[in-house]
C-alpha atoms as a PDB file:
ATOM      1  CA  MET A   1     -18.360   8.343 -51.565  1.00  0.00           C
ATOM      2  CA  LEU A   2     -20.536   6.610 -48.682  1.00  0.00           C
ATOM      3  CA  GLN A   3     -18.792   3.049 -49.814  1.00  0.00           C
ATOM      4  CA  GLN A   4     -15.653   4.302 -49.722  1.00  0.00           C
ATOM      5  CA  PHE A   5     -16.290   5.607 -46.281  1.00  0.00           C
ATOM      6  CA  GLU A   6     -17.720   2.092 -45.489  1.00  0.00           C
ATOM      7  CA  LYS A   7     -14.371   0.531 -46.819  1.00  0.00           C
ATOM      8  CA  ILE A   8     -12.326   2.659 -44.659  1.00  0.00           C
ATOM      9  CA  ILE A   9     -13.642   1.862 -41.151  1.00  0.00           C
ATOM     10  CA  VAL A  10     -13.994  -2.031 -42.483  1.00  0.00           C
ATOM     11  CA  GLU A  11     -10.780  -1.927 -42.803  1.00  0.00           C
ATOM     12  CA  VAL A  12      -9.735  -0.053 -39.815  1.00  0.00           C
ATOM     13  CA  VAL A  13     -11.581  -2.663 -37.407  1.00  0.00           C
ATOM     14  CA  GLU A  14      -9.946  -5.791 -39.434  1.00  0.00           C
ATOM     15  CA  LYS A  15      -6.595  -4.086 -38.582  1.00  0.00           C
ATOM     16  CA  VAL A  16      -7.240  -3.200 -34.907  1.00  0.00           C
ATOM     17  CA  VAL A  17      -9.511  -6.059 -34.350  1.00  0.00           C
ATOM     18  CA  PRO A  18      -6.241  -9.030 -33.901  1.00  0.00           C
ATOM     19  CA  SER A  19      -4.789  -6.267 -31.308  1.00  0.00           C
ATOM     20  CA  VAL A  20      -7.782  -6.289 -28.789  1.00  0.00           C
ATOM     21  CA  VAL A  21      -8.091  -8.613 -26.460  1.00  0.00           C
ATOM     22  CA  SER A  22     -10.632 -10.284 -23.590  1.00  0.00           C
ATOM     23  CA  VAL A  23      -9.457  -9.939 -20.388  1.00  0.00           C
ATOM     24  CA  SER A  24     -11.426 -12.116 -17.410  1.00  0.00           C
ATOM     25  CA  THR A  25     -10.801 -11.901 -13.658  1.00  0.00           C
ATOM     26  CA  THR A  26     -11.676 -13.818 -10.393  1.00  0.00           C
ATOM     27  CA  LYS A  27     -11.533 -12.298  -7.440  1.00  0.00           C
ATOM     28  CA  LEU A  28     -12.521 -13.597  -3.600  1.00  0.00           C
ATOM     29  CA  ALA A  29     -15.646 -11.999  -1.912  1.00  0.00           C
ATOM     30  CA  ARG A  30     -16.277 -12.699   1.866  1.00  0.00           C
ATOM     31  CA  VAL A  31     -20.098 -12.832   1.667  1.00  0.00           C
ATOM     32  CA  ASP A  32     -19.986 -13.749   5.771  1.00  0.00           C
ATOM     33  CA  LEU A  33     -17.329 -15.005   8.714  1.00  0.00           C
ATOM     34  CA  SER A  34     -17.611 -18.412   7.280  1.00  0.00           C
ATOM     35  CA  ARG A  35     -17.553 -18.400   3.221  1.00  0.00           C
ATOM     36  CA  VAL A  36     -16.043 -16.417   0.794  1.00  0.00           C
ATOM     37  CA  VAL A  37     -16.954 -16.973  -3.066  1.00  0.00           C
ATOM     38  CA  PRO A  38     -15.246 -16.442  -6.440  1.00  0.00           C
ATOM     39  CA  LEU A  39     -16.452 -13.285  -8.353  1.00  0.00           C
ATOM     40  CA  LYS A  40     -16.101 -13.327 -12.205  1.00  0.00           C
ATOM     41  CA  GLY A  41     -14.806  -9.992 -14.048  1.00  0.00           C
ATOM     42  CA  GLN A  42     -14.681  -8.613 -17.374  1.00  0.00           C
ATOM     43  CA  GLY A  43     -12.934  -5.827 -19.653  1.00  0.00           C
ATOM     44  CA  SER A  44     -10.600  -5.844 -22.480  1.00  0.00           C
ATOM     45  CA  GLY A  45      -7.318  -4.372 -23.324  1.00  0.00           C
ATOM     46  CA  VAL A  46      -4.924  -3.984 -26.170  1.00  0.00           C
ATOM     47  CA  ILE A  47      -1.680  -5.449 -27.068  1.00  0.00           C
ATOM     48  CA  LEU A  48       0.829  -2.308 -26.668  1.00  0.00           C
ATOM     49  CA  THR A  49       4.229  -3.881 -27.805  1.00  0.00           C
ATOM     50  CA  ASP A  50       5.854  -7.512 -29.795  1.00  0.00           C
ATOM     51  CA  ASP A  51       7.181  -8.406 -26.327  1.00  0.00           C
ATOM     52  CA  SER A  52       3.427  -9.545 -24.425  1.00  0.00           C
ATOM     53  CA  TYR A  53       2.996  -6.490 -23.078  1.00  0.00           C
ATOM     54  CA  ILE A  54      -0.760  -5.418 -22.871  1.00  0.00           C
ATOM     55  CA  VAL A  55      -2.619  -2.217 -21.650  1.00  0.00           C
ATOM     56  CA  THR A  56      -5.878  -1.692 -19.884  1.00  0.00           C
ATOM     57  CA  ASN A  57      -7.600  -0.312 -17.034  1.00  0.00           C
ATOM     58  CA  ALA A  58      -6.772  -0.406 -13.339  1.00  0.00           C
ATOM     59  CA  HIS A  59     -10.320  -1.076 -12.697  1.00  0.00           C
ATOM     60  CA  VAL A  60     -10.568  -3.969 -14.588  1.00  0.00           C
ATOM     61  CA  VAL A  61      -7.774  -6.063 -12.606  1.00  0.00           C
ATOM     62  CA  ARG A  62      -7.966  -4.266  -9.141  1.00  0.00           C
ATOM     63  CA  GLY A  63      -7.995  -7.025  -6.444  1.00  0.00           C
ATOM     64  CA  ALA A  64      -8.027  -9.908  -9.072  1.00  0.00           C
ATOM     65  CA  ARG A  65      -6.479 -13.169  -7.572  1.00  0.00           C
ATOM     66  CA  ASP A  66      -6.555 -14.283 -11.493  1.00  0.00           C
ATOM     67  CA  VAL A  67      -6.112 -12.742 -14.775  1.00  0.00           C
ATOM     68  CA  ASP A  68      -6.645 -14.655 -17.738  1.00  0.00           C
ATOM     69  CA  VAL A  69      -6.407 -12.966 -21.334  1.00  0.00           C
ATOM     70  CA  THR A  70      -8.321 -14.399 -24.687  1.00  0.00           C
ATOM     71  CA  LEU A  71      -6.388 -13.222 -27.678  1.00  0.00           C
ATOM     72  CA  ASN A  72      -8.392 -12.596 -30.602  1.00  0.00           C
ATOM     73  CA  ASP A  73      -7.518 -16.085 -32.055  1.00  0.00           C
ATOM     74  CA  GLY A  74      -9.206 -17.881 -29.338  1.00  0.00           C
ATOM     75  CA  ARG A  75      -5.765 -18.605 -27.477  1.00  0.00           C
ATOM     76  CA  LEU A  76      -6.634 -18.371 -23.610  1.00  0.00           C
ATOM     77  CA  LEU A  77      -3.700 -17.337 -21.693  1.00  0.00           C
ATOM     78  CA  ASN A  78      -2.775 -16.527 -18.273  1.00  0.00           C
ATOM     79  CA  ALA A  79      -1.869 -12.662 -17.049  1.00  0.00           C
ATOM     80  CA  VAL A  80       0.983 -10.979 -14.997  1.00  0.00           C
ATOM     81  CA  VAL A  81      -0.048  -8.465 -13.949  1.00  0.00           C
ATOM     82  CA  VAL A  82       3.483  -5.887 -13.809  1.00  0.00           C
ATOM     83  CA  GLY A  83       2.067  -2.389 -13.218  1.00  0.00           C
ATOM     84  CA  GLU A  84      -0.893  -0.866 -12.041  1.00  0.00           C
ATOM     85  CA  SER A  85      -1.769   2.612 -10.542  1.00  0.00           C
ATOM     86  CA  ALA A  86      -5.410   3.108  -9.287  1.00  0.00           C
ATOM     87  CA  ILE A  87      -5.018   7.297  -9.451  1.00  0.00           C
ATOM     88  CA  LYS A  88      -4.220   6.964 -13.076  1.00  0.00           C
ATOM     89  CA  ASP A  89      -6.375   3.814 -13.635  1.00  0.00           C
ATOM     90  CA  LEU A  90      -4.093   2.141 -15.846  1.00  0.00           C
ATOM     91  CA  ALA A  91      -2.329  -1.506 -15.703  1.00  0.00           C
ATOM     92  CA  VAL A  92       0.020  -3.074 -17.931  1.00  0.00           C
ATOM     93  CA  LEU A  93      -0.124  -6.969 -17.765  1.00  0.00           C
ATOM     94  CA  LYS A  94       1.918  -9.711 -19.445  1.00  0.00           C
ATOM     95  CA  ILE A  95       1.622 -12.892 -21.232  1.00  0.00           C
ATOM     96  CA  ASP A  96       3.627 -15.637 -22.055  1.00  0.00           C
ATOM     97  CA  ALA A  97       2.976 -15.669 -26.014  1.00  0.00           C
ATOM     98  CA  THR A  98       4.565 -15.203 -29.593  1.00  0.00           C
ATOM     99  CA  ASP A  99       3.377 -14.078 -33.024  1.00  0.00           C
ATOM    100  CA  LEU A 100       1.256 -10.693 -31.707  1.00  0.00           C
ATOM    101  CA  THR A 101      -0.286  -8.490 -33.284  1.00  0.00           C
ATOM    102  CA  PRO A 102       0.560  -4.875 -31.730  1.00  0.00           C
ATOM    103  CA  ILE A 103      -1.782  -1.586 -32.415  1.00  0.00           C
ATOM    104  CA  GLU A 104      -0.551   0.937 -33.936  1.00  0.00           C
ATOM    105  CA  LEU A 105       0.254   4.562 -31.390  1.00  0.00           C
ATOM    106  CA  GLY A 106      -0.802   7.595 -32.690  1.00  0.00           C
ATOM    107  CA  ASP A 107      -1.019  10.996 -31.265  1.00  0.00           C
ATOM    108  CA  SER A 108      -3.547  12.759 -29.267  1.00  0.00           C
ATOM    109  CA  SER A 109      -2.113  15.999 -29.371  1.00  0.00           C
ATOM    110  CA  SER A 110      -3.193  16.623 -32.691  1.00  0.00           C
ATOM    111  CA  LEU A 111      -6.975  15.356 -31.668  1.00  0.00           C
ATOM    112  CA  LYS A 112      -9.465  17.919 -33.294  1.00  0.00           C
ATOM    113  CA  VAL A 113     -13.047  17.745 -31.779  1.00  0.00           C
ATOM    114  CA  GLY A 114     -15.533  16.403 -34.421  1.00  0.00           C
ATOM    115  CA  GLN A 115     -13.351  13.898 -35.939  1.00  0.00           C
ATOM    116  CA  PHE A 116     -14.296  10.070 -36.024  1.00  0.00           C
ATOM    117  CA  ALA A 117     -13.509   8.037 -33.198  1.00  0.00           C
ATOM    118  CA  ILE A 118     -13.968   4.263 -33.303  1.00  0.00           C
ATOM    119  CA  ALA A 119     -14.567   2.308 -30.033  1.00  0.00           C
ATOM    120  CA  VAL A 120     -13.258  -1.472 -30.284  1.00  0.00           C
ATOM    121  CA  GLY A 121     -13.745  -3.616 -27.097  1.00  0.00           C
ATOM    122  CA  ASN A 122     -15.568  -7.205 -25.346  1.00  0.00           C
ATOM    123  CA  PRO A 123     -18.838  -5.758 -23.525  1.00  0.00           C
ATOM    124  CA  LEU A 124     -20.423  -7.890 -21.653  1.00  0.00           C
ATOM    125  CA  GLY A 125     -18.711 -10.383 -22.418  1.00  0.00           C
ATOM    126  CA  LEU A 126     -19.598 -11.026 -26.009  1.00  0.00           C
ATOM    127  CA  GLY A 127     -16.769 -11.168 -27.609  1.00  0.00           C
ATOM    128  CA  ASN A 128     -14.705  -7.833 -29.350  1.00  0.00           C
ATOM    129  CA  THR A 129     -17.284  -5.355 -30.293  1.00  0.00           C
ATOM    130  CA  VAL A 130     -17.355  -2.144 -32.426  1.00  0.00           C
ATOM    131  CA  THR A 131     -18.918   1.335 -31.960  1.00  0.00           C
ATOM    132  CA  PHE A 132     -18.571   4.420 -33.664  1.00  0.00           C
ATOM    133  CA  GLY A 133     -18.344   8.177 -32.956  1.00  0.00           C
ATOM    134  CA  ILE A 134     -16.905  11.296 -32.863  1.00  0.00           C
ATOM    135  CA  VAL A 135     -14.073  12.886 -30.578  1.00  0.00           C
ATOM    136  CA  SER A 136     -16.970  15.315 -28.115  1.00  0.00           C
ATOM    137  CA  ALA A 137     -14.222  16.971 -26.394  1.00  0.00           C
ATOM    138  CA  VAL A 138     -10.209  16.549 -25.389  1.00  0.00           C
ATOM    139  CA  ASP A 139      -9.326  17.841 -22.064  1.00  0.00           C
ATOM    140  CA  ARG A 140     -11.984  16.701 -19.738  1.00  0.00           C
ATOM    141  CA  THR A 141     -11.009  15.827 -16.133  1.00  0.00           C
ATOM    142  CA  ILE A 142     -12.237  13.274 -13.786  1.00  0.00           C
ATOM    143  CA  LYS A 143     -11.634  13.065 -10.479  1.00  0.00           C
ATOM    144  CA  SER A 144     -12.826  11.208  -6.798  1.00  0.00           C
ATOM    145  CA  ARG A 145     -10.465   9.955  -4.371  1.00  0.00           C
ATOM    146  CA  ARG A 146      -9.551   7.107  -6.221  1.00  0.00           C
ATOM    147  CA  VAL A 147      -8.428   9.036  -9.645  1.00  0.00           C
ATOM    148  CA  PHE A 148      -7.450  12.194 -10.926  1.00  0.00           C
ATOM    149  CA  LEU A 149      -7.487  11.872 -14.871  1.00  0.00           C
ATOM    150  CA  GLU A 150      -6.933  14.832 -16.797  1.00  0.00           C
ATOM    151  CA  GLY A 151      -6.496  15.132 -20.185  1.00  0.00           C
ATOM    152  CA  LEU A 152      -9.094  13.004 -21.373  1.00  0.00           C
ATOM    153  CA  ILE A 153     -11.086  12.307 -24.657  1.00  0.00           C
ATOM    154  CA  GLN A 154     -14.694  12.307 -24.392  1.00  0.00           C
ATOM    155  CA  THR A 155     -16.316  10.544 -27.060  1.00  0.00           C
ATOM    156  CA  SER A 156     -20.003   9.592 -28.642  1.00  0.00           C
ATOM    157  CA  ALA A 157     -18.638   5.900 -29.613  1.00  0.00           C
ATOM    158  CA  GLN A 158     -20.833   4.007 -26.872  1.00  0.00           C
ATOM    159  CA  ILE A 159     -18.591   2.469 -24.512  1.00  0.00           C
ATOM    160  CA  ASN A 160     -20.880   0.028 -22.675  1.00  0.00           C
ATOM    161  CA  PRO A 161     -19.363  -2.174 -19.449  1.00  0.00           C
ATOM    162  CA  GLY A 162     -16.507  -4.337 -20.433  1.00  0.00           C
ATOM    163  CA  ASN A 163     -15.226  -1.933 -23.119  1.00  0.00           C
ATOM    164  CA  SER A 164     -12.789  -0.644 -20.090  1.00  0.00           C
ATOM    165  CA  GLY A 165      -9.718  -1.370 -21.632  1.00  0.00           C
ATOM    166  CA  GLY A 166      -9.881  -2.003 -24.919  1.00  0.00           C
ATOM    167  CA  ALA A 167      -9.468   0.622 -27.664  1.00  0.00           C
ATOM    168  CA  LEU A 168     -10.552   3.927 -29.600  1.00  0.00           C
ATOM    169  CA  VAL A 169      -8.813   4.891 -32.433  1.00  0.00           C
ATOM    170  CA  ASP A 170      -8.739   7.468 -35.387  1.00  0.00           C
ATOM    171  CA  THR A 171      -9.749   6.252 -39.040  1.00  0.00           C
ATOM    172  CA  GLU A 172      -5.979   5.429 -39.481  1.00  0.00           C
ATOM    173  CA  ALA A 173      -6.289   2.778 -37.010  1.00  0.00           C
ATOM    174  CA  LYS A 174      -4.043   3.999 -34.434  1.00  0.00           C
ATOM    175  CA  LEU A 175      -5.069   3.960 -30.956  1.00  0.00           C
ATOM    176  CA  ILE A 176      -5.632   7.340 -29.572  1.00  0.00           C
ATOM    177  CA  GLY A 177      -7.184   6.450 -26.264  1.00  0.00           C
ATOM    178  CA  ILE A 178      -8.246   3.758 -23.943  1.00  0.00           C
ATOM    179  CA  PRO A 179     -11.815   4.044 -22.816  1.00  0.00           C
ATOM    180  CA  THR A 180     -12.058   4.114 -18.982  1.00  0.00           C
ATOM    181  CA  ALA A 181     -15.317   5.740 -18.240  1.00  0.00           C
ATOM    182  CA  MET A 182     -19.047   6.512 -19.237  1.00  0.00           C
ATOM    183  CA  ILE A 183     -22.014   7.837 -18.102  1.00  0.00           C
ATOM    184  CA  PRO A 184     -24.637   5.575 -16.722  1.00  0.00           C
ATOM    185  CA  TRP A 185     -27.810   7.499 -16.977  1.00  0.00           C
ATOM    186  CA  SER A 186     -26.521   9.049 -20.118  1.00  0.00           C
ATOM    187  CA  GLN A 187     -26.357   8.342 -24.171  1.00  0.00           C
ATOM    188  CA  GLY A 188     -23.005   8.754 -25.920  1.00  0.00           C
ATOM    189  CA  ILE A 189     -20.940  10.127 -22.852  1.00  0.00           C
ATOM    190  CA  GLY A 190     -17.885   7.879 -23.084  1.00  0.00           C
ATOM    191  CA  PHE A 191     -14.332   8.905 -21.572  1.00  0.00           C
ATOM    192  CA  ALA A 192     -11.028   7.468 -23.096  1.00  0.00           C
ATOM    193  CA  ILE A 193      -7.574   8.218 -21.623  1.00  0.00           C
ATOM    194  CA  ALA A 194      -5.592   9.515 -24.198  1.00  0.00           C
ATOM    195  CA  ILE A 195      -2.653   7.908 -25.867  1.00  0.00           C
ATOM    196  CA  ASP A 196       0.158  10.268 -24.994  1.00  0.00           C
ATOM    197  CA  GLY A 197      -0.604   9.979 -20.897  1.00  0.00           C
ATOM    198  CA  ILE A 198      -0.117   6.048 -21.571  1.00  0.00           C
ATOM    199  CA  LYS A 199       2.846   6.713 -23.128  1.00  0.00           C
ATOM    200  CA  SER A 200       4.618   8.557 -20.878  1.00  0.00           C
ATOM    201  CA  ALA A 201       3.327   6.660 -17.977  1.00  0.00           C
ATOM    202  CA  PHE A 202       3.935   2.506 -19.717  1.00  0.00           C
ATOM    203  CA  ASN A 203       7.927   2.764 -18.573  1.00  0.00           C
ATOM    204  CA  GLU A 204       7.525   3.738 -15.098  1.00  0.00           C
ATOM    205  CA  LEU A 205       4.599   0.965 -14.633  1.00  0.00           C
ATOM    206  CA  VAL A 206       6.980  -1.698 -16.174  1.00  0.00           C
ATOM    207  CA  LYS A 207       9.909  -0.533 -13.941  1.00  0.00           C
ATOM    208  CA  THR A 208       8.552   0.176 -10.473  1.00  0.00           C
ATOM    209  CA  GLY A 209       4.903  -1.200 -11.207  1.00  0.00           C
ATOM    210  CA  THR A 210       3.404   1.693 -10.644  1.00  0.00           C
ATOM    211  CA  ILE A 211       3.255   5.685 -10.552  1.00  0.00           C
ATOM    212  CA  ARG A 212       4.152   7.634  -7.986  1.00  0.00           C
ATOM    213  CA  THR A 213       2.170  10.617  -8.140  1.00  0.00           C
ATOM    214  CA  PRO A 214       3.219  13.971  -6.602  1.00  0.00           C
ATOM    215  CA  TRP A 215       0.475  15.442  -3.743  1.00  0.00           C
ATOM    216  CA  MET A 216       0.557  18.376  -1.860  1.00  0.00           C
ATOM    217  CA  GLY A 217      -1.994  17.241   0.796  1.00  0.00           C
ATOM    218  CA  VAL A 218      -5.770  19.040   0.263  1.00  0.00           C
ATOM    219  CA  VAL A 219      -9.310  18.684  -0.572  1.00  0.00           C
ATOM    220  CA  GLY A 220     -10.956  21.714  -3.116  1.00  0.00           C
ATOM    221  CA  VAL A 221     -13.066  23.084  -5.314  1.00  0.00           C
ATOM    222  CA  THR A 222     -13.396  25.473  -7.713  1.00  0.00           C
ATOM    223  CA  LEU A 223     -14.198  28.928  -6.388  1.00  0.00           C
ATOM    224  CA  ASN A 224     -17.092  30.610  -8.234  1.00  0.00           C
ATOM    225  CA  ARG A 225     -18.813  34.109  -7.895  1.00  0.00           C
ATOM    226  CA  GLY A 226     -22.032  32.211  -6.054  1.00  0.00           C
ATOM    227  CA  LEU A 227     -19.622  30.691  -3.712  1.00  0.00           C
ATOM    228  CA  ALA A 228     -17.971  34.110  -3.278  1.00  0.00           C
ATOM    229  CA  ALA A 229     -20.675  35.855  -2.369  1.00  0.00           C
ATOM    230  CA  HIS A 230     -22.584  33.705  -0.091  1.00  0.00           C
ATOM    231  CA  TYR A 231     -19.276  33.901   2.097  1.00  0.00           C
ATOM    232  CA  ARG A 232     -18.348  36.740   1.321  1.00  0.00           C
ATOM    233  CA  LEU A 233     -14.831  35.908  -0.027  1.00  0.00           C
ATOM    234  CA  SER A 234     -11.981  38.513  -1.272  1.00  0.00           C
ATOM    235  CA  VAL A 235     -11.568  37.264  -4.490  1.00  0.00           C
ATOM    236  CA  ASP A 236     -14.168  34.611  -6.717  1.00  0.00           C
ATOM    237  CA  LYS A 237     -11.541  32.718  -8.495  1.00  0.00           C
ATOM    238  CA  GLY A 238      -9.316  30.271  -7.407  1.00  0.00           C
ATOM    239  CA  ALA A 239      -8.837  26.907  -5.712  1.00  0.00           C
ATOM    240  CA  LEU A 240     -10.785  26.880  -2.570  1.00  0.00           C
ATOM    241  CA  ILE A 241      -9.816  24.726   0.625  1.00  0.00           C
ATOM    242  CA  VAL A 242     -12.472  22.139   2.153  1.00  0.00           C
ATOM    243  CA  GLN A 243     -10.451  19.642   3.997  1.00  0.00           C
ATOM    244  CA  VAL A 244      -6.922  19.397   4.606  1.00  0.00           C
ATOM    245  CA  PRO A 245      -5.849  15.843   5.219  1.00  0.00           C
ATOM    246  CA  LYS A 246      -2.319  15.193   6.965  1.00  0.00           C
ATOM    247  CA  GLY A 247       0.217  15.693   4.934  1.00  0.00           C
ATOM    248  CA  PRO A 248       2.769  18.568   2.922  1.00  0.00           C
ATOM    249  CA  ALA A 249       0.009  21.363   2.906  1.00  0.00           C
ATOM    250  CA  SER A 250      -1.236  20.937   6.738  1.00  0.00           C
ATOM    251  CA  ARG A 251       2.222  21.255   8.215  1.00  0.00           C
ATOM    252  CA  THR A 252       2.501  24.729   6.678  1.00  0.00           C
ATOM    253  CA  GLY A 253      -0.412  25.662   8.685  1.00  0.00           C
ATOM    254  CA  ILE A 254      -3.234  25.885   5.725  1.00  0.00           C
ATOM    255  CA  GLU A 255      -6.553  25.273   6.528  1.00  0.00           C
ATOM    256  CA  PRO A 256      -9.932  24.239   5.258  1.00  0.00           C
ATOM    257  CA  GLY A 257     -11.703  28.138   3.749  1.00  0.00           C
ATOM    258  CA  ASP A 258      -7.782  29.253   2.404  1.00  0.00           C
ATOM    259  CA  ILE A 259      -8.054  30.193  -1.150  1.00  0.00           C
ATOM    260  CA  VAL A 260      -5.220  29.325  -3.480  1.00  0.00           C
ATOM    261  CA  VAL A 261      -4.812  31.598  -6.288  1.00  0.00           C
ATOM    262  CA  ALA A 262      -1.363  31.384  -7.665  1.00  0.00           C
ATOM    263  CA  LEU A 263       1.372  28.551  -7.570  1.00  0.00           C
ATOM    264  CA  ASP A 264       4.909  29.371  -8.096  1.00  0.00           C
ATOM    265  CA  GLY A 265       3.417  32.667  -9.664  1.00  0.00           C
ATOM    266  CA  LYS A 266       1.122  31.223 -12.018  1.00  0.00           C
ATOM    267  CA  LYS A 267      -2.129  32.134 -11.406  1.00  0.00           C
ATOM    268  CA  VAL A 268      -4.797  29.622 -10.305  1.00  0.00           C
ATOM    269  CA  ASN A 269      -8.099  30.005 -11.241  1.00  0.00           C
ATOM    270  CA  THR A 270      -9.721  26.572 -10.527  1.00  0.00           C
ATOM    271  CA  MET A 271      -9.103  23.312  -8.486  1.00  0.00           C
ATOM    272  CA  GLU A 272      -8.578  21.554 -11.832  1.00  0.00           C
ATOM    273  CA  GLU A 273      -5.634  23.792 -12.826  1.00  0.00           C
ATOM    274  CA  LEU A 274      -4.137  23.615  -9.533  1.00  0.00           C
ATOM    275  CA  SER A 275      -4.489  19.529  -9.450  1.00  0.00           C
ATOM    276  CA  GLY A 276      -3.095  19.646 -13.114  1.00  0.00           C
ATOM    277  CA  ILE A 277      -0.169  21.943 -12.128  1.00  0.00           C
ATOM    278  CA  ILE A 278       0.888  19.356  -9.079  1.00  0.00           C
ATOM    279  CA  MET A 279       0.558  16.148 -11.559  1.00  0.00           C
ATOM    280  CA  ASP A 280       3.161  17.985 -13.825  1.00  0.00           C
ATOM    281  CA  LYS A 281       5.872  18.143 -10.767  1.00  0.00           C
ATOM    282  CA  ARG A 282       7.830  15.546  -9.077  1.00  0.00           C
ATOM    283  CA  ILE A 283       7.730  14.231  -5.626  1.00  0.00           C
ATOM    284  CA  GLY A 284      10.172  16.574  -3.765  1.00  0.00           C
ATOM    285  CA  ASP A 285       9.419  19.344  -5.462  1.00  0.00           C
ATOM    286  CA  LYS A 286       8.955  22.567  -3.707  1.00  0.00           C
ATOM    287  CA  ILE A 287       6.613  24.885  -4.565  1.00  0.00           C
ATOM    288  CA  LYS A 288       4.798  28.116  -3.471  1.00  0.00           C
ATOM    289  CA  LEU A 289       1.262  28.861  -3.470  1.00  0.00           C
ATOM    290  CA  ARG A 290      -0.224  32.263  -2.697  1.00  0.00           C
ATOM    291  CA  VAL A 291      -3.317  32.236  -0.240  1.00  0.00           C
ATOM    292  CA  HIS A 292      -5.947  34.545   0.533  1.00  0.00           C
ATOM    293  CA  ARG A 293      -7.232  33.447   4.274  1.00  0.00           C
ATOM    294  CA  ARG A 294      -9.786  35.938   4.779  1.00  0.00           C
ATOM    295  CA  GLN A 295      -8.174  39.515   4.059  1.00  0.00           C
ATOM    296  CA  ASP A 296      -4.877  38.102   4.899  1.00  0.00           C
ATOM    297  CA  VAL A 297      -2.915  37.336   1.739  1.00  0.00           C
ATOM    298  CA  PHE A 298       0.454  35.444   2.297  1.00  0.00           C
ATOM    299  CA  ASP A 299       2.825  32.739   0.587  1.00  0.00           C
ATOM    300  CA  ALA A 300       2.973  29.188   1.962  1.00  0.00           C
ATOM    301  CA  ASP A 301       5.872  26.735   0.781  1.00  0.00           C
ATOM    302  CA  LEU A 302       5.823  23.013   1.218  1.00  0.00           C
ATOM    303  CA  GLU A 303       7.501  19.796  -0.301  1.00  0.00           C
ATOM    304  CA  LEU A 304       5.897  17.820  -2.798  1.00  0.00           C
ATOM    305  CA  GLN A 305       5.458  13.832  -1.156  1.00  0.00           C
ATOM    306  CA  GLU A 306       4.099  10.676  -3.036  1.00  0.00           C
ATOM    307  CA  ALA A 307       0.586  10.874  -3.314  1.00  0.00           C
ATOM    308  CA  PRO A 308      -1.641   7.988  -0.825  1.00  0.00           C
ATOM    309  CA  ARG A 309      -1.891   5.021  -2.428  1.00  0.00           C
ATOM    310  CA  TYR A 310      -5.555   3.933  -2.830  1.00  0.00           C
ATOM    311  CA  ARG A 311      -5.794  -0.108  -4.075  1.00  0.00           C
END
């Protein structure tokens, strides 16, 4: 039985490896006022279509002057970045090549915690490398000023520097995600962008060069009982607003310290829930927020605008 399972894994790897490429970048870095030096970068990518489109992470190619792709058969080709979204950490490259092997796409909505996952990439510029693990969790969220990644797959398959943009596949050799991040001080905690989100973003990246992301113009944290008790707040669940930059929310009078508890009548318990609902909207959509401010409760109407681009 163990030999049969081993054979399955070997067959999966043999099928996937031709679809995974090495992505090399050259960026210019200013050392001082008179000197600029080239910096080399390394990552991975996956051949998504037979007409030469490759998907990788935006952070792999961000700021690159030159991008080169090395195919599994050894061909070295120049690549053009046709679309990039820093906030989604996705980029689409185009090469001029034939006889490519596109990867077969899976369905991340049906993933189950505990099923096997195989990561194929180019860590540390060593060439294609394979690691094995399981799907540890689904629907994880990572957020910062630069990115908002939701619906992530957490996996124990080792993701090392250079694996970013590679392939996370199931035991049918179908792409279920693109590795995007790891926790450097931990072992066995890596994250991948789920394939369903990549499918929905691909056409927009190719057609427009970016993804236009709706934005309500707040920075917040999840309110909990500890915060509510410390600040003597009237509610203990919701999205606590900590910063309101110039944007849609500031024009409605929303202030730091306000608590959003519902959006369009749907209860909001966490900042992640609020952000997730907004990300599913469109630019120009009008929304109604239910807001607590000290002992007052009021509604705020605002129109979503395009998120600022951090490149």
